[in-house]
N, C-alpha and C. Protein backbone atom coordinates (compact mmCIF):
# COMPACT_ATOMS: atom_id res chain seq x y z
N MET A 1 148.98 252.74 172.70
CA MET A 1 149.96 252.88 171.65
C MET A 1 151.14 251.95 171.96
N LEU A 2 151.75 251.43 170.91
CA LEU A 2 152.89 250.53 171.08
C LEU A 2 154.21 251.30 171.04
N TYR A 3 155.08 251.00 171.98
CA TYR A 3 156.40 251.62 172.06
C TYR A 3 157.45 250.53 172.04
N ASN A 4 158.51 250.75 171.27
CA ASN A 4 159.65 249.83 171.23
C ASN A 4 160.74 250.38 172.13
N ILE A 5 161.13 249.56 173.09
CA ILE A 5 162.15 249.95 174.06
C ILE A 5 163.30 248.95 173.97
N GLN A 6 164.51 249.48 173.92
CA GLN A 6 165.70 248.63 173.98
C GLN A 6 166.34 248.81 175.34
N ILE A 7 166.70 247.69 175.95
CA ILE A 7 167.37 247.72 177.24
C ILE A 7 168.73 247.05 177.08
N LYS A 8 169.77 247.77 177.45
CA LYS A 8 171.13 247.24 177.41
C LYS A 8 171.55 246.94 178.85
N VAL A 9 171.90 245.68 179.10
CA VAL A 9 172.33 245.25 180.43
C VAL A 9 173.81 244.89 180.34
N MET A 10 174.62 245.53 181.17
CA MET A 10 176.07 245.31 181.14
C MET A 10 176.59 245.06 182.55
N PRO A 11 177.71 244.33 182.65
CA PRO A 11 178.32 244.15 183.97
C PRO A 11 178.87 245.48 184.48
N LEU A 12 178.85 245.66 185.77
CA LEU A 12 179.42 246.87 186.36
C LEU A 12 180.90 246.97 185.97
N LYS A 13 181.34 248.18 185.74
CA LYS A 13 182.70 248.40 185.25
C LYS A 13 183.78 247.91 186.21
N ASP A 14 183.50 247.92 187.50
CA ASP A 14 184.49 247.50 188.50
C ASP A 14 184.60 245.99 188.64
N LEU A 15 183.70 245.24 188.03
CA LEU A 15 183.70 243.78 188.17
C LEU A 15 184.38 243.10 187.00
N LEU A 16 185.02 242.00 187.28
CA LEU A 16 185.62 241.18 186.24
C LEU A 16 184.51 240.61 185.35
N ASP A 17 184.76 240.60 184.05
CA ASP A 17 183.82 240.03 183.09
C ASP A 17 184.48 238.80 182.46
N PRO A 18 184.28 237.59 183.03
CA PRO A 18 184.96 236.40 182.52
C PRO A 18 184.64 236.10 181.06
N GLN A 19 183.41 236.33 180.64
CA GLN A 19 183.04 236.11 179.24
C GLN A 19 183.82 237.06 178.33
N GLY A 20 183.91 238.31 178.74
CA GLY A 20 184.66 239.29 177.97
C GLY A 20 186.12 238.92 177.87
N LYS A 21 186.70 238.46 178.98
CA LYS A 21 188.12 238.06 178.98
C LYS A 21 188.34 236.86 178.07
N ALA A 22 187.42 235.91 178.07
CA ALA A 22 187.54 234.74 177.20
C ALA A 22 187.51 235.16 175.72
N ILE A 23 186.64 236.09 175.39
CA ILE A 23 186.57 236.57 174.02
C ILE A 23 187.84 237.33 173.65
N GLN A 24 188.31 238.15 174.57
CA GLN A 24 189.54 238.91 174.32
C GLN A 24 190.72 237.96 174.08
N ASN A 25 190.83 236.92 174.90
CA ASN A 25 191.90 235.94 174.73
C ASN A 25 191.75 235.19 173.40
N GLY A 26 190.51 234.87 173.02
CA GLY A 26 190.28 234.23 171.73
C GLY A 26 190.71 235.11 170.57
N MET A 27 190.45 236.41 170.70
CA MET A 27 190.87 237.34 169.65
C MET A 27 192.39 237.38 169.53
N LYS A 28 193.06 237.38 170.68
CA LYS A 28 194.53 237.37 170.66
C LYS A 28 195.04 236.11 169.97
N ASN A 29 194.40 234.97 170.25
CA ASN A 29 194.79 233.71 169.61
C ASN A 29 194.58 233.75 168.09
N LEU A 30 193.64 234.57 167.64
CA LEU A 30 193.38 234.71 166.21
C LEU A 30 194.23 235.81 165.56
N GLY A 31 195.08 236.43 166.35
CA GLY A 31 195.94 237.47 165.83
C GLY A 31 195.33 238.86 165.87
N ILE A 32 194.18 239.01 166.52
CA ILE A 32 193.54 240.33 166.67
C ILE A 32 194.03 240.89 168.00
N THR A 33 195.12 241.65 167.95
CA THR A 33 195.79 242.06 169.19
C THR A 33 195.52 243.51 169.59
N SER A 34 194.83 244.27 168.76
CA SER A 34 194.61 245.68 169.08
C SER A 34 193.41 245.90 170.01
N VAL A 35 192.62 244.88 170.28
CA VAL A 35 191.48 245.00 171.19
C VAL A 35 192.01 244.94 172.62
N THR A 36 191.76 246.00 173.39
CA THR A 36 192.32 246.08 174.74
C THR A 36 191.34 245.68 175.84
N ASP A 37 190.03 245.65 175.53
CA ASP A 37 189.06 245.24 176.55
C ASP A 37 187.78 244.79 175.85
N VAL A 38 187.13 243.80 176.42
CA VAL A 38 185.85 243.30 175.91
C VAL A 38 184.91 243.15 177.09
N ARG A 39 183.70 243.66 176.96
CA ARG A 39 182.65 243.50 177.96
C ARG A 39 181.46 242.88 177.25
N VAL A 40 180.88 241.86 177.84
CA VAL A 40 179.74 241.16 177.25
C VAL A 40 178.50 241.43 178.10
N GLY A 41 177.42 241.79 177.43
CA GLY A 41 176.17 242.06 178.13
C GLY A 41 174.99 241.46 177.39
N LYS A 42 173.82 241.99 177.69
CA LYS A 42 172.58 241.52 177.07
C LYS A 42 171.88 242.70 176.41
N HIS A 43 171.22 242.41 175.32
CA HIS A 43 170.41 243.41 174.62
C HIS A 43 168.99 242.85 174.57
N VAL A 44 168.05 243.58 175.17
CA VAL A 44 166.66 243.12 175.24
C VAL A 44 165.77 244.16 174.57
N THR A 45 164.90 243.72 173.68
CA THR A 45 163.95 244.62 173.05
C THR A 45 162.55 244.28 173.55
N LEU A 46 161.86 245.30 174.02
CA LEU A 46 160.48 245.13 174.51
C LEU A 46 159.54 245.95 173.64
N GLN A 47 158.39 245.40 173.33
CA GLN A 47 157.31 246.16 172.70
C GLN A 47 156.25 246.32 173.78
N ILE A 48 156.01 247.56 174.17
CA ILE A 48 155.14 247.84 175.31
C ILE A 48 153.91 248.60 174.85
N ASP A 49 152.74 248.12 175.25
CA ASP A 49 151.48 248.81 174.99
C ASP A 49 151.22 249.72 176.19
N ALA A 50 151.34 251.04 175.98
CA ALA A 50 151.19 251.99 177.08
C ALA A 50 150.44 253.22 176.58
N ALA A 51 149.92 253.99 177.52
CA ALA A 51 149.16 255.20 177.18
C ALA A 51 150.05 256.30 176.61
N ASN A 52 151.31 256.35 177.08
CA ASN A 52 152.24 257.38 176.60
C ASN A 52 153.68 256.91 176.78
N GLU A 53 154.60 257.72 176.27
CA GLU A 53 156.02 257.38 176.30
C GLU A 53 156.55 257.22 177.73
N ASN A 54 156.15 258.11 178.63
CA ASN A 54 156.63 258.03 180.02
C ASN A 54 156.18 256.74 180.69
N GLU A 55 154.94 256.34 180.45
CA GLU A 55 154.43 255.10 181.04
C GLU A 55 155.22 253.90 180.49
N ALA A 56 155.51 253.91 179.20
CA ALA A 56 156.29 252.83 178.59
C ALA A 56 157.67 252.75 179.22
N LYS A 57 158.31 253.90 179.43
CA LYS A 57 159.63 253.92 180.05
C LYS A 57 159.58 253.42 181.49
N LEU A 58 158.53 253.77 182.21
CA LEU A 58 158.38 253.30 183.60
C LEU A 58 158.22 251.78 183.65
N ILE A 59 157.47 251.23 182.71
CA ILE A 59 157.29 249.77 182.64
C ILE A 59 158.62 249.09 182.34
N ALA A 60 159.38 249.66 181.39
CA ALA A 60 160.70 249.10 181.05
C ALA A 60 161.66 249.21 182.23
N GLU A 61 161.60 250.32 182.94
CA GLU A 61 162.45 250.51 184.13
C GLU A 61 162.13 249.45 185.19
N GLU A 62 160.86 249.19 185.40
CA GLU A 62 160.45 248.18 186.36
C GLU A 62 160.95 246.79 185.94
N ALA A 63 160.84 246.48 184.64
CA ALA A 63 161.32 245.19 184.14
C ALA A 63 162.83 245.07 184.35
N GLY A 64 163.55 246.15 184.08
CA GLY A 64 164.99 246.14 184.28
C GLY A 64 165.38 245.91 185.72
N LYS A 65 164.72 246.61 186.63
CA LYS A 65 165.03 246.50 188.06
C LYS A 65 164.63 245.15 188.65
N LYS A 66 163.45 244.65 188.27
CA LYS A 66 162.92 243.45 188.91
C LYS A 66 163.33 242.13 188.25
N LEU A 67 163.72 242.19 186.96
CA LEU A 67 163.95 240.93 186.26
C LEU A 67 165.22 240.89 185.42
N LEU A 68 165.47 241.92 184.65
CA LEU A 68 166.50 241.83 183.61
C LEU A 68 167.93 242.05 184.10
N ALA A 69 168.13 242.83 185.15
CA ALA A 69 169.48 243.13 185.63
C ALA A 69 169.61 242.80 187.11
N ASN A 70 170.75 242.26 187.46
CA ASN A 70 171.09 242.02 188.86
C ASN A 70 171.87 243.26 189.34
N PRO A 71 171.28 244.10 190.20
CA PRO A 71 171.92 245.35 190.57
C PRO A 71 173.26 245.18 191.30
N VAL A 72 173.51 244.01 191.84
CA VAL A 72 174.79 243.76 192.51
C VAL A 72 175.92 243.65 191.49
N MET A 73 175.59 243.17 190.29
CA MET A 73 176.62 242.89 189.29
C MET A 73 176.44 243.65 187.97
N GLU A 74 175.25 244.21 187.74
CA GLU A 74 174.95 244.77 186.43
C GLU A 74 174.25 246.13 186.55
N PHE A 75 174.35 246.89 185.46
CA PHE A 75 173.55 248.11 185.32
C PHE A 75 172.79 248.01 184.00
N PHE A 76 171.75 248.82 183.84
CA PHE A 76 171.02 248.79 182.59
C PHE A 76 170.69 250.20 182.13
N GLU A 77 170.53 250.32 180.80
CA GLU A 77 170.14 251.58 180.17
C GLU A 77 168.93 251.31 179.29
N ILE A 78 168.02 252.27 179.28
CA ILE A 78 166.79 252.15 178.49
C ILE A 78 166.81 253.18 177.37
N GLU A 79 166.39 252.74 176.19
CA GLU A 79 166.30 253.65 175.04
C GLU A 79 165.00 253.39 174.29
N LEU A 80 164.27 254.44 174.02
CA LEU A 80 163.06 254.36 173.19
C LEU A 80 163.48 254.42 171.74
N VAL A 81 163.03 253.47 170.92
CA VAL A 81 163.38 253.44 169.50
C VAL A 81 162.12 253.49 168.66
N ASN A 82 162.26 253.94 167.46
CA ASN A 82 161.10 254.01 166.55
C ASN A 82 160.97 252.75 165.75
């Protein structure tokens, strides 16, 4: 069965996010001053052929740990979508 999994990869909250800061500064330059913080991450959608939902989540977890996120700088969250 096919399962659609979304993986959100974000920088750890304690680390500086230079991309986010650049966007925040750009917003200030455009007069958008009410934004107090910006964090930039990655959104990855996987379509996984697996026997069941748990197996699909395990495959996505493995992809997140081994390829999609750098655990020193990032964390990831997995969500099953319809």
